[in-house]
Amino acid sequence: MENLSPEIWAVTVQEHPDVERRCRHDHDAPEPPRPGQVLRAIGLVVAAHLVLVAAVLLLLQSFGIR
């Protein structure tokens, strides 16, 4: 579709409006993460690991291993 002249492209888009949307969608890159998303994800992973370590330590303590 990129090879079409501007006049033909305009007529094609007028007759088939979804053509432009599909062509643009195919070449669009995914959105980058918002500023807080990466830090929130890292925080959730760290928190999950801390909970897991605490649970293992409590389990070991209940068996008198530590």
C-alpha atoms as a PDB file:
ATOM      1  CA  MET A   1       0.000   0.000   0.000  1.00  0.00           C
ATOM      2  CA  GLU A   2       2.928   2.332   0.536  1.00  0.00           C
ATOM      3  CA  ASN A   3       3.665   2.333  -3.209  1.00  0.00           C
ATOM      4  CA  LEU A   4       0.359   3.967  -4.156  1.00  0.00           C
ATOM      5  CA  SER A   5       0.320   7.552  -5.295  1.00  0.00           C
ATOM      6  CA  PRO A   6      -1.324  10.030  -2.907  1.00  0.00           C
ATOM      7  CA  GLU A   7      -4.355  10.381  -5.202  1.00  0.00           C
ATOM      8  CA  ILE A   8      -4.987   6.643  -5.391  1.00  0.00           C
ATOM      9  CA  TRP A   9      -4.358   6.295  -1.668  1.00  0.00           C
ATOM     10  CA  ALA A  10      -6.920   9.025  -0.924  1.00  0.00           C
ATOM     11  CA  VAL A  11      -9.555   7.307  -3.088  1.00  0.00           C
ATOM     12  CA  THR A  12      -8.765   3.936  -1.505  1.00  0.00           C
ATOM     13  CA  VAL A  13      -9.114   5.366   1.993  1.00  0.00           C
ATOM     14  CA  GLN A  14     -12.383   7.096   1.096  1.00  0.00           C
ATOM     15  CA  GLU A  15     -13.860   3.881  -0.306  1.00  0.00           C
ATOM     16  CA  HIS A  16     -12.416   1.608   2.382  1.00  0.00           C
ATOM     17  CA  PRO A  17     -11.725   3.543   5.600  1.00  0.00           C
ATOM     18  CA  ASP A  18     -10.500   0.443   7.425  1.00  0.00           C
ATOM     19  CA  VAL A  19      -7.557   0.086   4.979  1.00  0.00           C
ATOM     20  CA  GLU A  20      -5.691   3.017   6.527  1.00  0.00           C
ATOM     21  CA  ARG A  21      -6.391   1.805  10.046  1.00  0.00           C
ATOM     22  CA  ARG A  22      -5.136  -1.721   9.265  1.00  0.00           C
ATOM     23  CA  CYS A  23      -2.030  -0.510   7.437  1.00  0.00           C
ATOM     24  CA  ARG A  24      -1.086   1.879  10.212  1.00  0.00           C
ATOM     25  CA  HIS A  25      -1.801  -0.742  12.863  1.00  0.00           C
ATOM     26  CA  ASP A  26       0.455  -3.294  11.172  1.00  0.00           C
ATOM     27  CA  HIS A  27       3.457  -0.977  11.343  1.00  0.00           C
ATOM     28  CA  ASP A  28       2.855   0.632  14.736  1.00  0.00           C
ATOM     29  CA  ALA A  29       5.253  -0.345  17.470  1.00  0.00           C
ATOM     30  CA  PRO A  30       3.808  -1.357  20.845  1.00  0.00           C
ATOM     31  CA  GLU A  31       3.413   1.432  23.349  1.00  0.00           C
ATOM     32  CA  PRO A  32       6.319   1.820  25.765  1.00  0.00           C
ATOM     33  CA  PRO A  33       5.455   1.269  29.419  1.00  0.00           C
ATOM     34  CA  ARG A  34       4.236   4.258  31.378  1.00  0.00           C
ATOM     35  CA  PRO A  35       6.774   5.754  33.824  1.00  0.00           C
ATOM     36  CA  GLY A  36       5.477   4.025  36.952  1.00  0.00           C
ATOM     37  CA  GLN A  37       4.723   0.619  35.431  1.00  0.00           C
ATOM     38  CA  VAL A  38       8.279  -0.718  35.443  1.00  0.00           C
ATOM     39  CA  LEU A  39       8.959   0.369  39.028  1.00  0.00           C
ATOM     40  CA  ARG A  40       5.629  -1.075  40.166  1.00  0.00           C
ATOM     41  CA  ALA A  41       6.424  -4.405  38.495  1.00  0.00           C
ATOM     42  CA  ILE A  42       9.872  -4.533  40.100  1.00  0.00           C
ATOM     43  CA  GLY A  43       8.340  -3.671  43.477  1.00  0.00           C
ATOM     44  CA  LEU A  44       5.767  -6.452  43.160  1.00  0.00           C
ATOM     45  CA  VAL A  45       8.452  -9.008  42.300  1.00  0.00           C
ATOM     46  CA  VAL A  46      10.596  -7.928  45.260  1.00  0.00           C
ATOM     47  CA  ALA A  47       7.595  -8.002  47.612  1.00  0.00           C
ATOM     48  CA  ALA A  48       6.604 -11.474  46.418  1.00  0.00           C
ATOM     49  CA  HIS A  49      10.120 -12.760  47.036  1.00  0.00           C
ATOM     50  CA  LEU A  50      10.196 -11.243  50.529  1.00  0.00           C
ATOM     51  CA  VAL A  51       6.883 -12.912  51.385  1.00  0.00           C
ATOM     52  CA  LEU A  52       8.172 -16.220  50.053  1.00  0.00           C
ATOM     53  CA  VAL A  53      11.400 -15.990  52.076  1.00  0.00           C
ATOM     54  CA  ALA A  54       9.456 -15.048  55.220  1.00  0.00           C
ATOM     55  CA  ALA A  55       7.121 -18.010  54.744  1.00  0.00           C
ATOM     56  CA  VAL A  56      10.039 -20.418  54.307  1.00  0.00           C
ATOM     57  CA  LEU A  57      11.800 -19.025  57.396  1.00  0.00           C
ATOM     58  CA  LEU A  58       8.623 -19.380  59.479  1.00  0.00           C
ATOM     59  CA  LEU A  59       8.174 -22.923  58.231  1.00  0.00           C
ATOM     60  CA  LEU A  60      11.765 -23.811  59.093  1.00  0.00           C
ATOM     61  CA  GLN A  61      11.406 -22.185  62.510  1.00  0.00           C
ATOM     62  CA  SER A  62       8.239 -24.160  63.245  1.00  0.00           C
ATOM     63  CA  PHE A  63      10.165 -27.392  62.627  1.00  0.00           C
ATOM     64  CA  GLY A  64      12.973 -26.193  64.887  1.00  0.00           C
ATOM     65  CA  ILE A  65      15.553 -26.241  62.101  1.00  0.00           C
ATOM     66  CA  ARG A  66      16.677 -22.694  62.600  1.00  0.00           C
END
